[in-house]
Amino acid sequence: MSRSGIKQENLKDIHDKIEEIKGLNSLKMWILHVLEHGPKNGVEIMDAVGEHHNAFYNHINENILPPGHGNKQENVKWEFKKPLPGSVYPMLKKMVNENLIIKQHDGRYNITEGGLEIVYKIFGFPKDTNDESNREKAVKYALSEISVCILYLEDVQKEQLVYHKDLIVSLVERLKKIQDLIES
């Protein structure tokens, strides 16, 4: 498939994700994300949102940003305070009303099928990876994302890639192992 064919195929996916995100605010997305991992009460949600947010941005900081942009060589860490009850509890009530989550009898919140659909649309991975059709979707999505990232890297100047040579070599080796696995 040509590079332009891959770009056109993924433009619709990107557009659909942007449209879905427009209807959400970041707190709602983080709540859906943490509830995808299981039921939690309000305090647990606040703690989990803070932990997931920090882990996400520290991963970007340590693995993606080039030198000179606040990366691990400079020992810069993101510090995100967990969301406050005054924003979380009204959002939880709103999300229950929107049927994205439910409040269980034990006081914990759980994500609904509607909430899972939004998580899948935005992040691309179905919750139940034991379901054969969901595993196929997850594999297809992951390969599509890798393809888009490679398209980007093909356009990056050599000087920007040099800083990441070890990571690129490691990724090539891991992809080669996958290739060897499917060819055996």
C-alpha atoms as a PDB file:
ATOM      1  CA  MET A   1       0.000   0.000   0.000  1.00  0.00           C
ATOM      2  CA  SER A   2       1.345   3.423  -0.831  1.00  0.00           C
ATOM      3  CA  ARG A   3       2.180   5.932   1.847  1.00  0.00           C
ATOM      4  CA  SER A   4      -0.620   8.201   0.650  1.00  0.00           C
ATOM      5  CA  GLY A   5      -3.062   5.263   0.832  1.00  0.00           C
ATOM      6  CA  ILE A   6      -2.162   4.632   4.443  1.00  0.00           C
ATOM      7  CA  LYS A   7      -2.466   8.312   5.289  1.00  0.00           C
ATOM      8  CA  GLN A   8      -5.932   8.580   3.696  1.00  0.00           C
ATOM      9  CA  GLU A   9      -7.117   5.436   5.484  1.00  0.00           C
ATOM     10  CA  ASN A  10      -6.044   6.791   8.858  1.00  0.00           C
ATOM     11  CA  LEU A  11      -7.295  10.347   8.337  1.00  0.00           C
ATOM     12  CA  LYS A  12     -10.882   9.200   8.858  1.00  0.00           C
ATOM     13  CA  ASP A  13      -9.909   7.414  12.101  1.00  0.00           C
ATOM     14  CA  ILE A  14      -8.125  10.519  13.350  1.00  0.00           C
ATOM     15  CA  HIS A  15     -11.066  12.737  12.400  1.00  0.00           C
ATOM     16  CA  ASP A  16     -13.513  10.390  14.168  1.00  0.00           C
ATOM     17  CA  LYS A  17     -11.385  10.428  17.337  1.00  0.00           C
ATOM     18  CA  ILE A  18     -11.186  14.228  17.300  1.00  0.00           C
ATOM     19  CA  GLU A  19     -14.963  14.487  16.929  1.00  0.00           C
ATOM     20  CA  GLU A  20     -15.457  12.074  19.844  1.00  0.00           C
ATOM     21  CA  ILE A  21     -13.001  13.964  22.043  1.00  0.00           C
ATOM     22  CA  LYS A  22     -14.744  17.293  21.337  1.00  0.00           C
ATOM     23  CA  GLY A  23     -17.705  16.077  23.385  1.00  0.00           C
ATOM     24  CA  LEU A  24     -15.559  15.146  26.362  1.00  0.00           C
ATOM     25  CA  ASN A  25     -13.448  17.120  28.759  1.00  0.00           C
ATOM     26  CA  SER A  26     -10.153  15.768  30.029  1.00  0.00           C
ATOM     27  CA  LEU A  27     -11.465  14.842  33.484  1.00  0.00           C
ATOM     28  CA  LYS A  28     -14.258  12.768  31.936  1.00  0.00           C
ATOM     29  CA  MET A  29     -11.728  10.975  29.702  1.00  0.00           C
ATOM     30  CA  TRP A  30      -9.449  10.226  32.653  1.00  0.00           C
ATOM     31  CA  ILE A  31     -12.368   8.913  34.731  1.00  0.00           C
ATOM     32  CA  LEU A  32     -13.470   6.614  31.910  1.00  0.00           C
ATOM     33  CA  HIS A  33      -9.883   5.448  31.505  1.00  0.00           C
ATOM     34  CA  VAL A  34      -9.406   4.535  35.179  1.00  0.00           C
ATOM     35  CA  LEU A  35     -12.843   2.912  35.480  1.00  0.00           C
ATOM     36  CA  GLU A  36     -12.045   0.730  32.488  1.00  0.00           C
ATOM     37  CA  HIS A  37      -9.679  -1.077  34.873  1.00  0.00           C
ATOM     38  CA  GLY A  38     -12.427  -1.806  37.399  1.00  0.00           C
ATOM     39  CA  PRO A  39     -14.919  -0.221  39.831  1.00  0.00           C
ATOM     40  CA  LYS A  40     -13.715   2.507  42.204  1.00  0.00           C
ATOM     41  CA  ASN A  41     -15.192   4.916  44.716  1.00  0.00           C
ATOM     42  CA  GLY A  42     -14.695   8.673  44.374  1.00  0.00           C
ATOM     43  CA  VAL A  43     -11.464   8.837  46.392  1.00  0.00           C
ATOM     44  CA  GLU A  44     -10.004   5.883  44.491  1.00  0.00           C
ATOM     45  CA  ILE A  45     -10.942   7.580  41.214  1.00  0.00           C
ATOM     46  CA  MET A  46      -9.177  10.803  42.238  1.00  0.00           C
ATOM     47  CA  ASP A  47      -6.060   8.860  43.268  1.00  0.00           C
ATOM     48  CA  ALA A  48      -6.078   6.732  40.098  1.00  0.00           C
ATOM     49  CA  VAL A  49      -6.564   9.746  37.804  1.00  0.00           C
ATOM     50  CA  GLY A  50      -3.559  11.431  39.439  1.00  0.00           C
ATOM     51  CA  GLU A  51      -1.433   8.280  39.164  1.00  0.00           C
ATOM     52  CA  HIS A  52      -2.394   7.565  35.547  1.00  0.00           C
ATOM     53  CA  HIS A  53      -1.901  11.189  34.530  1.00  0.00           C
ATOM     54  CA  ASN A  54       1.565  11.272  36.100  1.00  0.00           C
ATOM     55  CA  ALA A  55       2.542   7.922  34.570  1.00  0.00           C
ATOM     56  CA  PHE A  56       1.383   9.048  31.121  1.00  0.00           C
ATOM     57  CA  TYR A  57       3.260  12.343  31.119  1.00  0.00           C
ATOM     58  CA  ASN A  58       6.377  10.900  32.728  1.00  0.00           C
ATOM     59  CA  HIS A  59       6.408   8.202  30.031  1.00  0.00           C
ATOM     60  CA  ILE A  60       6.300  10.919  27.373  1.00  0.00           C
ATOM     61  CA  ASN A  61       8.986  12.844  29.239  1.00  0.00           C
ATOM     62  CA  GLU A  62      11.318   9.849  29.543  1.00  0.00           C
ATOM     63  CA  ASN A  63      10.738   8.084  26.241  1.00  0.00           C
ATOM     64  CA  ILE A  64       9.503  10.495  23.605  1.00  0.00           C
ATOM     65  CA  LEU A  65      10.772  14.050  24.115  1.00  0.00           C
ATOM     66  CA  PRO A  66      14.174  14.779  22.577  1.00  0.00           C
ATOM     67  CA  PRO A  67      17.058  16.206  24.639  1.00  0.00           C
ATOM     68  CA  GLY A  68      16.508  19.785  25.698  1.00  0.00           C
ATOM     69  CA  HIS A  69      12.738  19.413  26.062  1.00  0.00           C
ATOM     70  CA  GLY A  70      12.512  18.451  29.742  1.00  0.00           C
ATOM     71  CA  ASN A  71      13.451  14.813  29.373  1.00  0.00           C
ATOM     72  CA  LYS A  72      14.959  12.213  31.704  1.00  0.00           C
ATOM     73  CA  GLN A  73      18.517  13.453  31.250  1.00  0.00           C
ATOM     74  CA  GLU A  74      17.429  16.608  33.040  1.00  0.00           C
ATOM     75  CA  ASN A  75      15.565  14.625  35.753  1.00  0.00           C
ATOM     76  CA  VAL A  76      12.382  16.593  35.165  1.00  0.00           C
ATOM     77  CA  LYS A  77       9.218  14.915  36.419  1.00  0.00           C
ATOM     78  CA  TRP A  78       5.629  15.946  35.863  1.00  0.00           C
ATOM     79  CA  GLU A  79       3.790  16.609  39.077  1.00  0.00           C
ATOM     80  CA  PHE A  80       0.041  16.541  38.753  1.00  0.00           C
ATOM     81  CA  LYS A  81      -2.114  16.969  41.792  1.00  0.00           C
ATOM     82  CA  LYS A  82      -5.052  14.646  41.864  1.00  0.00           C
ATOM     83  CA  PRO A  83      -8.361  16.245  40.907  1.00  0.00           C
ATOM     84  CA  LEU A  84     -10.366  17.860  43.673  1.00  0.00           C
ATOM     85  CA  PRO A  85     -13.668  16.535  45.040  1.00  0.00           C
ATOM     86  CA  GLY A  86     -15.395  19.728  43.856  1.00  0.00           C
ATOM     87  CA  SER A  87     -14.700  18.743  40.248  1.00  0.00           C
ATOM     88  CA  VAL A  88     -14.816  14.948  40.480  1.00  0.00           C
ATOM     89  CA  TYR A  89     -18.142  14.387  42.247  1.00  0.00           C
ATOM     90  CA  PRO A  90     -20.193  16.700  40.002  1.00  0.00           C
ATOM     91  CA  MET A  91     -18.548  15.024  36.986  1.00  0.00           C
ATOM     92  CA  LEU A  92     -19.396  11.573  38.356  1.00  0.00           C
ATOM     93  CA  LYS A  93     -23.031  12.630  38.803  1.00  0.00           C
ATOM     94  CA  LYS A  94     -23.096  13.998  35.249  1.00  0.00           C
ATOM     95  CA  MET A  95     -21.526  10.816  33.864  1.00  0.00           C
ATOM     96  CA  VAL A  96     -24.123   8.676  35.679  1.00  0.00           C
ATOM     97  CA  ASN A  97     -26.869  10.820  34.111  1.00  0.00           C
ATOM     98  CA  GLU A  98     -25.233  10.343  30.698  1.00  0.00           C
ATOM     99  CA  ASN A  99     -25.177   6.558  31.294  1.00  0.00           C
ATOM    100  CA  LEU A 100     -21.384   6.425  30.885  1.00  0.00           C
ATOM    101  CA  ILE A 101     -20.936   5.022  34.393  1.00  0.00           C
ATOM    102  CA  ILE A 102     -23.191   3.581  37.095  1.00  0.00           C
ATOM    103  CA  LYS A 103     -23.024   3.943  40.851  1.00  0.00           C
ATOM    104  CA  GLN A 104     -23.182   0.531  42.477  1.00  0.00           C
ATOM    105  CA  HIS A 105     -24.843  -0.286  45.809  1.00  0.00           C
ATOM    106  CA  ASP A 106     -21.425  -0.382  47.506  1.00  0.00           C
ATOM    107  CA  GLY A 107     -20.785   3.253  46.457  1.00  0.00           C
ATOM    108  CA  ARG A 108     -18.246   2.406  43.801  1.00  0.00           C
ATOM    109  CA  TYR A 109     -18.607   3.560  40.217  1.00  0.00           C
ATOM    110  CA  ASN A 110     -18.342   1.237  37.248  1.00  0.00           C
ATOM    111  CA  ILE A 111     -18.089   1.937  33.538  1.00  0.00           C
ATOM    112  CA  THR A 112     -21.082   1.053  31.325  1.00  0.00           C
ATOM    113  CA  GLU A 113     -21.070  -0.368  27.812  1.00  0.00           C
ATOM    114  CA  GLY A 114     -21.622   3.199  26.548  1.00  0.00           C
ATOM    115  CA  GLY A 115     -18.558   4.351  28.475  1.00  0.00           C
ATOM    116  CA  LEU A 116     -16.539   1.439  27.113  1.00  0.00           C
ATOM    117  CA  GLU A 117     -17.578   2.359  23.575  1.00  0.00           C
ATOM    118  CA  ILE A 118     -16.149   5.851  24.090  1.00  0.00           C
ATOM    119  CA  VAL A 119     -12.911   4.441  25.525  1.00  0.00           C
ATOM    120  CA  TYR A 120     -12.626   2.128  22.542  1.00  0.00           C
ATOM    121  CA  LYS A 121     -13.314   4.923  20.041  1.00  0.00           C
ATOM    122  CA  ILE A 122     -10.683   7.175  21.593  1.00  0.00           C
ATOM    123  CA  PHE A 123      -7.977   4.727  22.633  1.00  0.00           C
ATOM    124  CA  GLY A 124      -8.742   1.970  20.137  1.00  0.00           C
ATOM    125  CA  PHE A 125      -8.513  -1.052  22.383  1.00  0.00           C
ATOM    126  CA  PRO A 126     -11.532  -3.093  23.403  1.00  0.00           C
ATOM    127  CA  LYS A 127     -11.789  -3.971  27.085  1.00  0.00           C
ATOM    128  CA  ASP A 128     -12.377  -7.692  26.591  1.00  0.00           C
ATOM    129  CA  THR A 129      -9.245  -8.870  24.834  1.00  0.00           C
ATOM    130  CA  ASN A 130     -10.261 -12.497  25.462  1.00  0.00           C
ATOM    131  CA  ASP A 131     -12.990 -12.135  22.824  1.00  0.00           C
ATOM    132  CA  GLU A 132     -11.508 -13.269  19.489  1.00  0.00           C
ATOM    133  CA  SER A 133     -13.050 -10.427  17.455  1.00  0.00           C
ATOM    134  CA  ASN A 134     -11.808  -7.855  19.971  1.00  0.00           C
ATOM    135  CA  ARG A 135      -8.287  -9.321  19.880  1.00  0.00           C
ATOM    136  CA  GLU A 136      -8.320  -9.027  16.081  1.00  0.00           C
ATOM    137  CA  LYS A 137      -9.466  -5.396  16.348  1.00  0.00           C
ATOM    138  CA  ALA A 138      -6.736  -4.658  18.898  1.00  0.00           C
ATOM    139  CA  VAL A 139      -4.038  -6.203  16.691  1.00  0.00           C
ATOM    140  CA  LYS A 140      -5.283  -4.332  13.620  1.00  0.00           C
ATOM    141  CA  TYR A 141      -5.409  -1.074  15.584  1.00  0.00           C
ATOM    142  CA  ALA A 142      -1.902  -1.543  17.007  1.00  0.00           C
ATOM    143  CA  LEU A 143      -0.446  -2.271  13.564  1.00  0.00           C
ATOM    144  CA  SER A 144      -2.270   0.718  12.099  1.00  0.00           C
ATOM    145  CA  GLU A 145      -0.840   2.980  14.813  1.00  0.00           C
ATOM    146  CA  ILE A 146       2.671   1.619  14.214  1.00  0.00           C
ATOM    147  CA  SER A 147       2.229   2.315  10.499  1.00  0.00           C
ATOM    148  CA  VAL A 148       1.192   5.922  11.162  1.00  0.00           C
ATOM    149  CA  CYS A 149       4.142   6.426  13.508  1.00  0.00           C
ATOM    150  CA  ILE A 150       6.547   5.047  10.916  1.00  0.00           C
ATOM    151  CA  LEU A 151       5.115   7.454   8.351  1.00  0.00           C
ATOM    152  CA  TYR A 152       5.890  10.283  10.716  1.00  0.00           C
ATOM    153  CA  LEU A 153       9.411   9.036  11.452  1.00  0.00           C
ATOM    154  CA  GLU A 154      10.121   8.707   7.725  1.00  0.00           C
ATOM    155  CA  ASP A 155       9.542  12.456   7.438  1.00  0.00           C
ATOM    156  CA  VAL A 156      11.677  13.398  10.459  1.00  0.00           C
ATOM    157  CA  GLN A 157      15.133  14.761   9.753  1.00  0.00           C
ATOM    158  CA  LYS A 158      18.060  12.496  10.504  1.00  0.00           C
ATOM    159  CA  GLU A 159      19.422  14.913  13.118  1.00  0.00           C
ATOM    160  CA  GLN A 160      16.251  14.484  15.174  1.00  0.00           C
ATOM    161  CA  LEU A 161      16.407  10.690  14.997  1.00  0.00           C
ATOM    162  CA  VAL A 162      20.062  10.341  16.029  1.00  0.00           C
ATOM    163  CA  TYR A 163      19.191  10.926  19.691  1.00  0.00           C
ATOM    164  CA  HIS A 164      16.918   7.890  19.583  1.00  0.00           C
ATOM    165  CA  LYS A 165      19.127   5.415  17.723  1.00  0.00           C
ATOM    166  CA  ASP A 166      19.188   2.849  20.570  1.00  0.00           C
ATOM    167  CA  LEU A 167      15.411   2.855  20.889  1.00  0.00           C
ATOM    168  CA  ILE A 168      14.963   2.544  17.106  1.00  0.00           C
ATOM    169  CA  VAL A 169      17.396  -0.407  16.981  1.00  0.00           C
ATOM    170  CA  SER A 170      15.546  -2.061  19.876  1.00  0.00           C
ATOM    171  CA  LEU A 171      12.177  -1.611  18.141  1.00  0.00           C
ATOM    172  CA  VAL A 172      13.525  -3.059  14.882  1.00  0.00           C
ATOM    173  CA  GLU A 173      14.842  -6.094  16.784  1.00  0.00           C
ATOM    174  CA  ARG A 174      11.493  -6.618  18.509  1.00  0.00           C
ATOM    175  CA  LEU A 175       9.593  -6.343  15.214  1.00  0.00           C
ATOM    176  CA  LYS A 176      12.039  -8.814  13.655  1.00  0.00           C
ATOM    177  CA  LYS A 177      11.234 -11.302  16.463  1.00  0.00           C
ATOM    178  CA  ILE A 178       7.527 -10.912  15.695  1.00  0.00           C
ATOM    179  CA  GLN A 179       8.229 -11.433  11.997  1.00  0.00           C
ATOM    180  CA  ASP A 180      10.265 -14.578  12.786  1.00  0.00           C
ATOM    181  CA  LEU A 181       7.415 -15.858  14.978  1.00  0.00           C
ATOM    182  CA  ILE A 182       4.799 -15.580  12.228  1.00  0.00           C
ATOM    183  CA  GLU A 183       7.117 -17.065   9.599  1.00  0.00           C
ATOM    184  CA  SER A 184       7.962 -20.152  11.660  1.00  0.00           C
END
